[in-house]
N, C-alpha and C. Protein backbone atom coordinates (compact mmCIF):
# COMPACT_ATOMS: atom_id res chain seq x y z
N MET A 1 132.86 84.24 110.91
CA MET A 1 132.47 85.54 110.45
C MET A 1 133.30 85.87 109.21
N SER A 2 132.64 86.40 108.15
CA SER A 2 133.36 86.73 106.93
C SER A 2 133.58 88.24 106.83
N PHE A 3 134.57 88.63 106.06
CA PHE A 3 134.88 90.04 105.83
C PHE A 3 134.83 90.27 104.33
N SER A 4 133.65 90.59 103.81
CA SER A 4 133.48 90.81 102.38
C SER A 4 132.45 91.91 102.16
N PRO A 5 132.34 92.43 100.93
CA PRO A 5 131.33 93.47 100.68
C PRO A 5 129.93 92.98 101.01
N ALA A 6 129.10 93.88 101.49
CA ALA A 6 127.72 93.53 101.84
C ALA A 6 126.88 93.31 100.60
N LYS A 7 126.06 92.28 100.62
CA LYS A 7 125.08 92.06 99.56
C LYS A 7 123.87 92.89 99.91
N VAL A 8 123.26 93.52 98.92
CA VAL A 8 122.08 94.32 99.16
C VAL A 8 120.97 93.93 98.20
N ALA A 9 119.73 94.11 98.63
CA ALA A 9 118.56 93.84 97.79
C ALA A 9 117.38 94.58 98.38
N PRO A 10 116.37 94.86 97.58
CA PRO A 10 115.20 95.58 98.08
C PRO A 10 114.25 94.73 98.90
N LEU A 11 114.58 93.47 99.12
CA LEU A 11 113.73 92.57 99.89
C LEU A 11 114.51 91.98 101.05
N PRO A 12 113.82 91.62 102.13
CA PRO A 12 114.51 90.96 103.24
C PRO A 12 114.95 89.56 102.85
N GLY A 13 115.83 89.01 103.64
CA GLY A 13 116.26 87.64 103.43
C GLY A 13 117.59 87.50 102.72
N VAL A 14 118.25 88.63 102.42
CA VAL A 14 119.53 88.57 101.73
C VAL A 14 120.63 88.10 102.66
N THR A 15 120.64 88.62 103.89
CA THR A 15 121.67 88.23 104.85
C THR A 15 121.35 86.83 105.36
N ARG A 16 122.24 85.89 105.07
CA ARG A 16 122.02 84.50 105.47
C ARG A 16 123.01 84.04 106.53
N ALA A 17 124.06 84.83 106.75
CA ALA A 17 125.08 84.46 107.75
C ALA A 17 125.63 85.74 108.37
N LEU A 18 126.25 85.61 109.51
CA LEU A 18 126.88 86.72 110.20
C LEU A 18 128.04 87.25 109.37
N SER A 19 128.09 88.57 109.15
CA SER A 19 129.16 89.21 108.38
C SER A 19 129.63 90.45 109.11
N ALA A 20 130.88 90.83 108.90
CA ALA A 20 131.43 92.04 109.51
C ALA A 20 132.05 92.91 108.43
N PHE A 21 131.94 94.22 108.61
CA PHE A 21 132.46 95.18 107.64
C PHE A 21 133.21 96.27 108.39
N LYS A 22 134.43 96.55 107.97
CA LYS A 22 135.20 97.62 108.59
C LYS A 22 134.62 98.95 108.11
N VAL A 23 134.22 99.80 109.04
CA VAL A 23 133.64 101.09 108.69
C VAL A 23 134.54 102.26 109.07
N SER A 24 135.59 102.00 109.87
CA SER A 24 136.50 103.07 110.26
C SER A 24 137.85 102.49 110.65
N GLU A 25 138.91 103.22 110.27
CA GLU A 25 140.27 102.83 110.65
C GLU A 25 140.65 103.44 112.00
N ASN A 26 140.22 104.68 112.21
CA ASN A 26 140.61 105.36 113.45
C ASN A 26 139.41 106.16 113.97
N PRO A 27 138.74 105.73 114.96
CA PRO A 27 139.01 104.50 115.72
C PRO A 27 138.58 103.28 114.89
N LEU A 28 139.22 102.18 115.14
CA LEU A 28 138.90 100.95 114.44
C LEU A 28 137.47 100.53 114.82
N ALA A 29 136.62 100.41 113.80
CA ALA A 29 135.22 100.06 114.06
C ALA A 29 134.71 99.14 112.95
N PHE A 30 133.87 98.20 113.34
CA PHE A 30 133.27 97.26 112.41
C PHE A 30 131.76 97.31 112.56
N LEU A 31 131.07 97.03 111.47
CA LEU A 31 129.62 96.87 111.47
C LEU A 31 129.35 95.38 111.33
N ILE A 32 128.51 94.86 112.17
CA ILE A 32 128.17 93.43 112.08
C ILE A 32 126.76 93.32 111.51
N ASP A 33 126.64 92.57 110.43
CA ASP A 33 125.36 92.33 109.76
C ASP A 33 124.92 90.91 110.10
N SER A 34 123.72 90.81 110.67
CA SER A 34 123.22 89.49 111.04
C SER A 34 121.83 89.29 110.43
N PRO A 35 121.46 88.05 110.16
CA PRO A 35 120.12 87.79 109.62
C PRO A 35 119.04 88.24 110.60
N GLY A 36 117.95 88.76 110.07
CA GLY A 36 116.81 89.13 110.90
C GLY A 36 116.02 87.89 111.28
N ILE A 37 115.07 88.08 112.15
CA ILE A 37 114.25 86.95 112.59
C ILE A 37 112.82 87.20 112.12
N MET A 38 112.24 86.22 111.46
CA MET A 38 110.87 86.31 110.97
C MET A 38 110.21 84.97 111.21
N VAL A 39 108.96 85.01 111.60
CA VAL A 39 108.24 83.75 111.81
C VAL A 39 108.18 82.99 110.49
N PRO A 40 108.18 81.66 110.54
CA PRO A 40 108.22 80.89 109.29
C PRO A 40 106.94 80.99 108.46
N ARG A 41 105.85 81.36 109.08
CA ARG A 41 104.61 81.54 108.31
C ARG A 41 103.64 82.38 109.14
N VAL A 42 102.72 83.01 108.46
CA VAL A 42 101.68 83.81 109.13
C VAL A 42 100.37 83.09 108.89
N GLU A 43 99.70 82.71 109.95
CA GLU A 43 98.44 81.97 109.82
C GLU A 43 97.24 82.90 109.66
N ASP A 44 97.42 84.18 109.95
CA ASP A 44 96.33 85.14 109.90
C ASP A 44 96.34 85.86 108.56
N ILE A 45 95.26 85.77 107.82
CA ILE A 45 95.16 86.37 106.49
C ILE A 45 95.37 87.87 106.53
N GLU A 46 94.76 88.53 107.49
CA GLU A 46 94.88 89.99 107.57
C GLU A 46 96.32 90.42 107.80
N THR A 47 97.04 89.71 108.63
CA THR A 47 98.45 90.02 108.85
C THR A 47 99.24 89.83 107.57
N GLY A 48 98.96 88.76 106.84
CA GLY A 48 99.62 88.52 105.57
C GLY A 48 99.37 89.62 104.55
N LEU A 49 98.14 90.10 104.49
CA LEU A 49 97.81 91.20 103.57
C LEU A 49 98.53 92.48 103.97
N LYS A 50 98.59 92.75 105.26
CA LYS A 50 99.30 93.95 105.74
C LYS A 50 100.78 93.87 105.40
N LEU A 51 101.37 92.70 105.61
CA LEU A 51 102.79 92.52 105.27
C LEU A 51 103.01 92.70 103.77
N ALA A 52 102.12 92.15 102.97
CA ALA A 52 102.24 92.29 101.52
C ALA A 52 102.11 93.75 101.10
N LEU A 53 101.19 94.48 101.71
CA LEU A 53 101.01 95.90 101.37
C LEU A 53 102.23 96.74 101.68
N THR A 54 102.91 96.43 102.75
CA THR A 54 104.08 97.23 103.10
C THR A 54 105.24 96.95 102.16
N GLY A 55 105.16 95.86 101.42
CA GLY A 55 106.23 95.54 100.49
C GLY A 55 107.46 94.99 101.17
N THR A 56 107.34 94.62 102.45
CA THR A 56 108.50 94.13 103.18
C THR A 56 108.31 92.71 103.68
N SER A 57 107.29 92.06 103.20
CA SER A 57 106.94 90.77 103.78
C SER A 57 107.72 89.62 103.18
N HIS A 58 107.59 88.49 103.82
CA HIS A 58 108.15 87.23 103.32
C HIS A 58 107.01 86.40 102.78
N ASN A 59 107.33 85.31 102.19
CA ASN A 59 106.35 84.43 101.57
C ASN A 59 105.64 83.61 102.64
N LEU A 60 104.67 84.23 103.30
CA LEU A 60 104.12 83.64 104.51
C LEU A 60 102.63 83.34 104.42
N LEU A 61 102.11 83.19 103.21
CA LEU A 61 100.68 82.92 103.08
C LEU A 61 100.34 81.57 103.68
N PRO A 62 99.30 81.52 104.51
CA PRO A 62 98.90 80.22 105.04
C PRO A 62 98.26 79.37 103.95
N SER A 63 98.23 78.08 104.15
CA SER A 63 97.68 77.19 103.14
C SER A 63 96.19 77.43 102.93
N SER A 64 95.51 78.00 103.92
CA SER A 64 94.07 78.24 103.80
C SER A 64 93.76 79.57 103.13
N PHE A 65 94.77 80.32 102.68
CA PHE A 65 94.55 81.68 102.18
C PHE A 65 93.53 81.73 101.05
N SER A 66 93.71 80.91 100.02
CA SER A 66 92.84 81.01 98.85
C SER A 66 91.40 80.61 99.17
N SER A 67 91.20 79.71 100.12
CA SER A 67 89.84 79.29 100.44
C SER A 67 89.17 80.21 101.45
N SER A 68 89.91 81.18 102.01
CA SER A 68 89.35 82.03 103.04
C SER A 68 88.78 83.32 102.50
N ILE A 69 89.05 83.65 101.26
CA ILE A 69 88.54 84.90 100.69
C ILE A 69 87.47 84.53 99.68
N PRO A 70 86.23 84.96 99.95
CA PRO A 70 85.16 84.60 99.04
C PRO A 70 85.29 85.30 97.68
N LYS A 71 84.82 84.66 96.62
CA LYS A 71 84.73 85.20 95.28
C LYS A 71 86.08 85.50 94.63
N LEU A 72 87.15 84.93 95.12
CA LEU A 72 88.46 85.12 94.47
C LEU A 72 88.89 83.80 93.87
N THR A 73 89.45 83.86 92.70
CA THR A 73 90.00 82.67 92.09
C THR A 73 91.51 82.73 92.25
N LEU A 74 92.01 82.16 93.31
CA LEU A 74 93.44 82.11 93.56
C LEU A 74 93.88 80.65 93.53
N PRO A 75 95.08 80.39 93.06
CA PRO A 75 95.55 79.00 93.10
C PRO A 75 95.64 78.50 94.53
N SER A 76 95.55 77.22 94.73
CA SER A 76 95.68 76.64 96.05
C SER A 76 97.16 76.58 96.41
N TYR A 77 97.55 77.27 97.47
CA TYR A 77 98.95 77.30 97.87
C TYR A 77 99.19 76.29 98.98
N PRO A 78 100.31 75.60 98.93
CA PRO A 78 100.71 74.79 100.08
C PRO A 78 101.20 75.75 101.15
N THR A 79 101.48 75.25 102.34
CA THR A 79 102.07 76.11 103.35
C THR A 79 103.36 76.64 102.78
N ILE A 80 103.49 77.95 102.77
CA ILE A 80 104.61 78.58 102.10
C ILE A 80 105.62 79.02 103.14
N HIS A 81 106.89 78.79 102.85
CA HIS A 81 107.95 79.13 103.78
C HIS A 81 108.64 80.41 103.35
N ILE A 82 109.62 80.82 104.09
CA ILE A 82 110.29 82.10 103.88
C ILE A 82 110.67 82.33 102.42
N GLY A 83 110.40 83.54 101.95
CA GLY A 83 110.63 84.01 100.59
C GLY A 83 109.84 85.30 100.48
N ALA A 84 109.69 85.92 99.36
CA ALA A 84 108.97 87.20 99.25
C ALA A 84 107.55 86.97 98.78
N ILE A 85 106.58 87.68 99.36
CA ILE A 85 105.21 87.67 98.82
C ILE A 85 105.22 88.69 97.71
N LYS A 86 105.11 88.24 96.52
CA LYS A 86 105.08 89.14 95.37
C LYS A 86 103.65 89.60 95.17
N ASP A 87 103.51 90.86 94.77
CA ASP A 87 102.17 91.40 94.54
C ASP A 87 101.39 90.53 93.56
N SER A 88 102.07 89.96 92.60
CA SER A 88 101.40 89.16 91.58
C SER A 88 100.76 87.90 92.17
N ARG A 89 101.23 87.44 93.32
CA ARG A 89 100.64 86.25 93.94
C ARG A 89 99.24 86.54 94.44
N LEU A 90 99.03 87.75 94.90
CA LEU A 90 97.72 88.12 95.44
C LEU A 90 96.89 88.88 94.43
N GLY A 91 97.55 89.63 93.58
CA GLY A 91 96.86 90.50 92.63
C GLY A 91 96.74 91.91 93.19
N GLN A 92 96.99 92.87 92.35
CA GLN A 92 96.94 94.26 92.77
C GLN A 92 95.56 94.67 93.24
N GLU A 93 94.52 94.14 92.60
CA GLU A 93 93.15 94.52 93.00
C GLU A 93 92.84 94.05 94.42
N VAL A 94 93.32 92.87 94.80
CA VAL A 94 93.09 92.36 96.15
C VAL A 94 93.79 93.27 97.16
N LEU A 95 95.05 93.61 96.87
CA LEU A 95 95.80 94.50 97.76
C LEU A 95 95.14 95.87 97.85
N ALA A 96 94.75 96.43 96.71
CA ALA A 96 94.12 97.75 96.70
C ALA A 96 92.79 97.74 97.45
N ASP A 97 92.01 96.70 97.26
CA ASP A 97 90.72 96.59 97.94
C ASP A 97 90.92 96.51 99.46
N TYR A 98 91.89 95.72 99.90
CA TYR A 98 92.15 95.62 101.33
C TYR A 98 92.67 96.96 101.88
N LEU A 99 93.53 97.63 101.13
CA LEU A 99 94.03 98.93 101.54
C LEU A 99 92.89 99.94 101.67
N LEU A 100 91.99 99.95 100.70
CA LEU A 100 90.83 100.84 100.77
C LEU A 100 89.98 100.53 101.99
N TYR A 101 89.76 99.25 102.26
CA TYR A 101 88.99 98.83 103.43
C TYR A 101 89.63 99.36 104.72
N ILE A 102 90.95 99.19 104.85
CA ILE A 102 91.65 99.65 106.05
C ILE A 102 91.56 101.17 106.18
N MET A 103 91.79 101.88 105.08
CA MET A 103 91.75 103.34 105.13
C MET A 103 90.37 103.84 105.55
N ASN A 104 89.33 103.26 104.98
CA ASN A 104 87.97 103.68 105.34
C ASN A 104 87.65 103.31 106.78
N LYS A 105 88.07 102.13 107.21
CA LYS A 105 87.81 101.69 108.58
C LYS A 105 88.45 102.63 109.59
N MET A 106 89.64 103.15 109.25
CA MET A 106 90.36 104.06 110.16
C MET A 106 89.97 105.53 109.93
N SER A 107 89.00 105.76 109.06
CA SER A 107 88.59 107.13 108.70
C SER A 107 89.77 107.95 108.20
N PHE A 108 90.61 107.32 107.42
CA PHE A 108 91.74 108.01 106.79
C PHE A 108 91.40 108.14 105.32
N PHE A 109 90.94 109.32 104.94
CA PHE A 109 90.39 109.51 103.61
C PHE A 109 91.29 110.33 102.69
N GLY A 110 92.59 110.28 102.90
CA GLY A 110 93.54 111.02 102.07
C GLY A 110 93.44 110.67 100.60
N TYR A 111 93.03 109.46 100.29
CA TYR A 111 92.91 109.04 98.90
C TYR A 111 91.88 109.86 98.14
N THR A 112 90.86 110.38 98.83
CA THR A 112 89.83 111.16 98.14
C THR A 112 90.42 112.43 97.54
N LYS A 113 91.27 113.09 98.29
CA LYS A 113 91.90 114.32 97.81
C LYS A 113 92.90 114.02 96.70
N VAL A 114 93.72 113.00 96.89
CA VAL A 114 94.75 112.65 95.91
C VAL A 114 94.13 112.28 94.57
N PHE A 115 93.06 111.50 94.58
CA PHE A 115 92.49 111.00 93.34
C PHE A 115 91.20 111.70 92.92
N GLY A 116 90.89 112.83 93.56
CA GLY A 116 89.78 113.67 93.12
C GLY A 116 88.39 113.10 93.35
N LEU A 117 88.21 112.35 94.42
CA LEU A 117 86.88 111.83 94.76
C LEU A 117 86.16 112.84 95.64
N ALA A 118 84.88 113.02 95.44
CA ALA A 118 84.11 113.99 96.22
C ALA A 118 83.94 113.56 97.67
N GLU A 119 83.90 112.25 97.91
CA GLU A 119 83.72 111.73 99.26
C GLU A 119 84.31 110.34 99.36
N PRO A 120 84.48 109.84 100.59
CA PRO A 120 84.99 108.48 100.76
C PRO A 120 84.09 107.47 100.05
N ASN A 121 84.69 106.40 99.58
CA ASN A 121 83.95 105.41 98.81
C ASN A 121 84.48 104.02 99.18
N ASP A 122 83.59 103.07 99.40
CA ASP A 122 84.05 101.72 99.72
C ASP A 122 83.97 100.77 98.53
N ASN A 123 83.66 101.29 97.36
CA ASN A 123 83.60 100.47 96.16
C ASN A 123 84.94 100.59 95.43
N ILE A 124 85.74 99.53 95.47
CA ILE A 124 87.08 99.58 94.90
C ILE A 124 87.05 99.89 93.41
N HIS A 125 86.06 99.41 92.67
CA HIS A 125 86.02 99.67 91.23
C HIS A 125 85.78 101.15 90.93
N GLU A 126 84.95 101.81 91.73
CA GLU A 126 84.74 103.24 91.55
C GLU A 126 86.00 104.02 91.91
N VAL A 127 86.68 103.61 92.96
CA VAL A 127 87.94 104.26 93.34
C VAL A 127 88.99 104.05 92.25
N LEU A 128 89.07 102.85 91.72
CA LEU A 128 90.06 102.58 90.67
C LEU A 128 89.75 103.34 89.38
N GLN A 129 88.47 103.59 89.12
CA GLN A 129 88.10 104.44 87.97
C GLN A 129 88.67 105.85 88.18
N ALA A 130 88.56 106.36 89.41
CA ALA A 130 89.10 107.68 89.73
C ALA A 130 90.62 107.68 89.61
N VAL A 131 91.26 106.61 90.05
CA VAL A 131 92.72 106.48 89.92
C VAL A 131 93.10 106.49 88.44
N SER A 132 92.32 105.80 87.62
CA SER A 132 92.57 105.74 86.18
C SER A 132 92.49 107.14 85.56
N LYS A 133 91.49 107.90 85.96
CA LYS A 133 91.36 109.28 85.47
C LYS A 133 92.55 110.12 85.92
N PHE A 134 92.95 109.94 87.17
CA PHE A 134 94.11 110.64 87.70
C PHE A 134 95.37 110.32 86.89
N MET A 135 95.51 109.07 86.49
CA MET A 135 96.67 108.62 85.72
C MET A 135 96.62 109.12 84.28
N GLY A 136 95.48 109.66 83.86
CA GLY A 136 95.36 110.17 82.49
C GLY A 136 94.97 109.13 81.47
N VAL A 137 94.54 107.96 81.92
CA VAL A 137 94.17 106.90 80.99
C VAL A 137 92.95 107.30 80.17
N ALA A 138 91.98 107.96 80.81
CA ALA A 138 90.76 108.36 80.10
C ALA A 138 91.09 109.35 78.98
N LYS A 139 92.06 110.24 79.21
CA LYS A 139 92.43 111.23 78.20
C LYS A 139 93.12 110.58 77.01
N GLN A 140 93.84 109.49 77.25
CA GLN A 140 94.56 108.81 76.18
C GLN A 140 93.63 107.95 75.33
N GLY A 141 92.39 107.79 75.77
CA GLY A 141 91.43 107.01 75.02
C GLY A 141 91.62 105.51 75.15
N THR A 142 92.46 105.09 76.06
CA THR A 142 92.65 103.66 76.26
C THR A 142 91.61 103.13 77.23
N GLU A 143 91.41 101.85 77.17
CA GLU A 143 90.42 101.21 78.02
C GLU A 143 90.88 101.16 79.48
N PHE A 144 89.94 101.28 80.38
CA PHE A 144 90.21 101.21 81.82
C PHE A 144 90.81 99.86 82.17
N ASP A 145 91.94 99.88 82.88
CA ASP A 145 92.62 98.67 83.31
C ASP A 145 92.66 98.66 84.84
N PRO A 146 91.75 97.90 85.47
CA PRO A 146 91.69 97.91 86.93
C PRO A 146 92.99 97.46 87.59
N GLU A 147 93.70 96.52 86.99
CA GLU A 147 94.93 95.99 87.60
C GLU A 147 96.02 97.07 87.64
N SER A 148 96.20 97.83 86.58
CA SER A 148 97.23 98.88 86.59
C SER A 148 96.81 100.04 87.50
N SER A 149 95.51 100.33 87.55
CA SER A 149 95.03 101.37 88.47
C SER A 149 95.23 100.94 89.92
N ALA A 150 94.98 99.66 90.19
CA ALA A 150 95.19 99.12 91.54
C ALA A 150 96.67 99.17 91.89
N ALA A 151 97.53 98.85 90.94
CA ALA A 151 98.98 98.90 91.18
C ALA A 151 99.40 100.34 91.51
N HIS A 152 98.82 101.30 90.81
CA HIS A 152 99.14 102.71 91.08
C HIS A 152 98.66 103.10 92.48
N PHE A 153 97.48 102.65 92.87
CA PHE A 153 96.92 102.95 94.18
C PHE A 153 97.83 102.40 95.29
N VAL A 154 98.29 101.16 95.12
CA VAL A 154 99.18 100.53 96.10
C VAL A 154 100.53 101.26 96.13
N ARG A 155 101.06 101.61 94.95
CA ARG A 155 102.33 102.36 94.91
C ARG A 155 102.19 103.71 95.60
N ALA A 156 101.05 104.36 95.43
CA ALA A 156 100.82 105.65 96.08
C ALA A 156 100.85 105.50 97.60
N TYR A 157 100.29 104.41 98.11
CA TYR A 157 100.36 104.14 99.55
C TYR A 157 101.80 103.92 99.98
N ARG A 158 102.50 103.04 99.27
CA ARG A 158 103.86 102.67 99.64
C ARG A 158 104.82 103.86 99.59
N SER A 159 104.57 104.80 98.69
CA SER A 159 105.46 105.96 98.56
C SER A 159 105.09 107.09 99.51
N GLY A 160 103.97 106.95 100.21
CA GLY A 160 103.54 107.98 101.15
C GLY A 160 102.67 109.06 100.54
N GLU A 161 102.31 108.93 99.26
CA GLU A 161 101.47 109.92 98.60
C GLU A 161 100.08 110.02 99.23
N LEU A 162 99.62 108.95 99.83
CA LEU A 162 98.29 108.95 100.46
C LEU A 162 98.37 109.37 101.92
N GLY A 163 99.55 109.76 102.35
CA GLY A 163 99.76 110.14 103.75
C GLY A 163 100.53 109.03 104.46
N THR A 164 100.93 109.33 105.66
CA THR A 164 101.65 108.32 106.44
C THR A 164 100.74 107.85 107.57
N PHE A 165 100.54 106.56 107.62
CA PHE A 165 99.69 105.96 108.63
C PHE A 165 100.06 104.50 108.76
N THR A 166 99.68 103.91 109.84
CA THR A 166 99.92 102.49 110.06
C THR A 166 98.70 101.68 109.66
N LEU A 167 98.91 100.48 109.23
CA LEU A 167 97.80 99.61 108.87
C LEU A 167 97.18 98.94 110.10
N ASP A 168 97.86 99.05 111.23
CA ASP A 168 97.34 98.46 112.47
C ASP A 168 96.63 99.51 113.29
N SER A 169 95.65 99.07 114.05
CA SER A 169 94.96 99.96 114.98
C SER A 169 95.86 100.19 116.19
N CYS A 170 96.00 101.41 116.59
CA CYS A 170 96.83 101.74 117.75
C CYS A 170 95.99 101.91 119.02
N ARG A 171 94.73 101.63 118.94
CA ARG A 171 93.83 101.80 120.10
C ARG A 171 94.19 100.89 121.25
N ASP A 172 94.69 99.69 120.92
CA ASP A 172 94.97 98.71 121.98
C ASP A 172 96.35 98.89 122.60
N ILE A 173 97.12 99.82 122.08
CA ILE A 173 98.49 100.01 122.60
C ILE A 173 98.48 100.85 123.84
């Protein structure tokens, strides 16, 4: 066990060994930091997308990921081991589209109010157009950028702007 300052990072996987930190002299108390446990890979695409959306996932895409989603041009990935799933690996539009699908499936329509939509919509491009207007891109006269609008949509979810909800169904619990 080592006694040194804690390493910190916004992603999991920083703690690689057991460490202890003195947090109090009187009473004498230590905090023990240990590595978390994560499965070496996720074979289920939906679970991988949910982990990526939360921004807390590891690099767990199954090797079949790119061939399992129709109409997407993604590179062929080998079985990927522990590391971070970066949004850029999947693309913001893929994440935003899956998030919209989940929200609509759960009848959670908070995005309509936030982005000024008259009603729920399952067309990601129409939703991203509304996000673009919300961001003020249309007023600036710049061209619509679906990737930056999708990134904003995902950030809004992660920050809680779209409300707080789980990506999993709680019906079976």
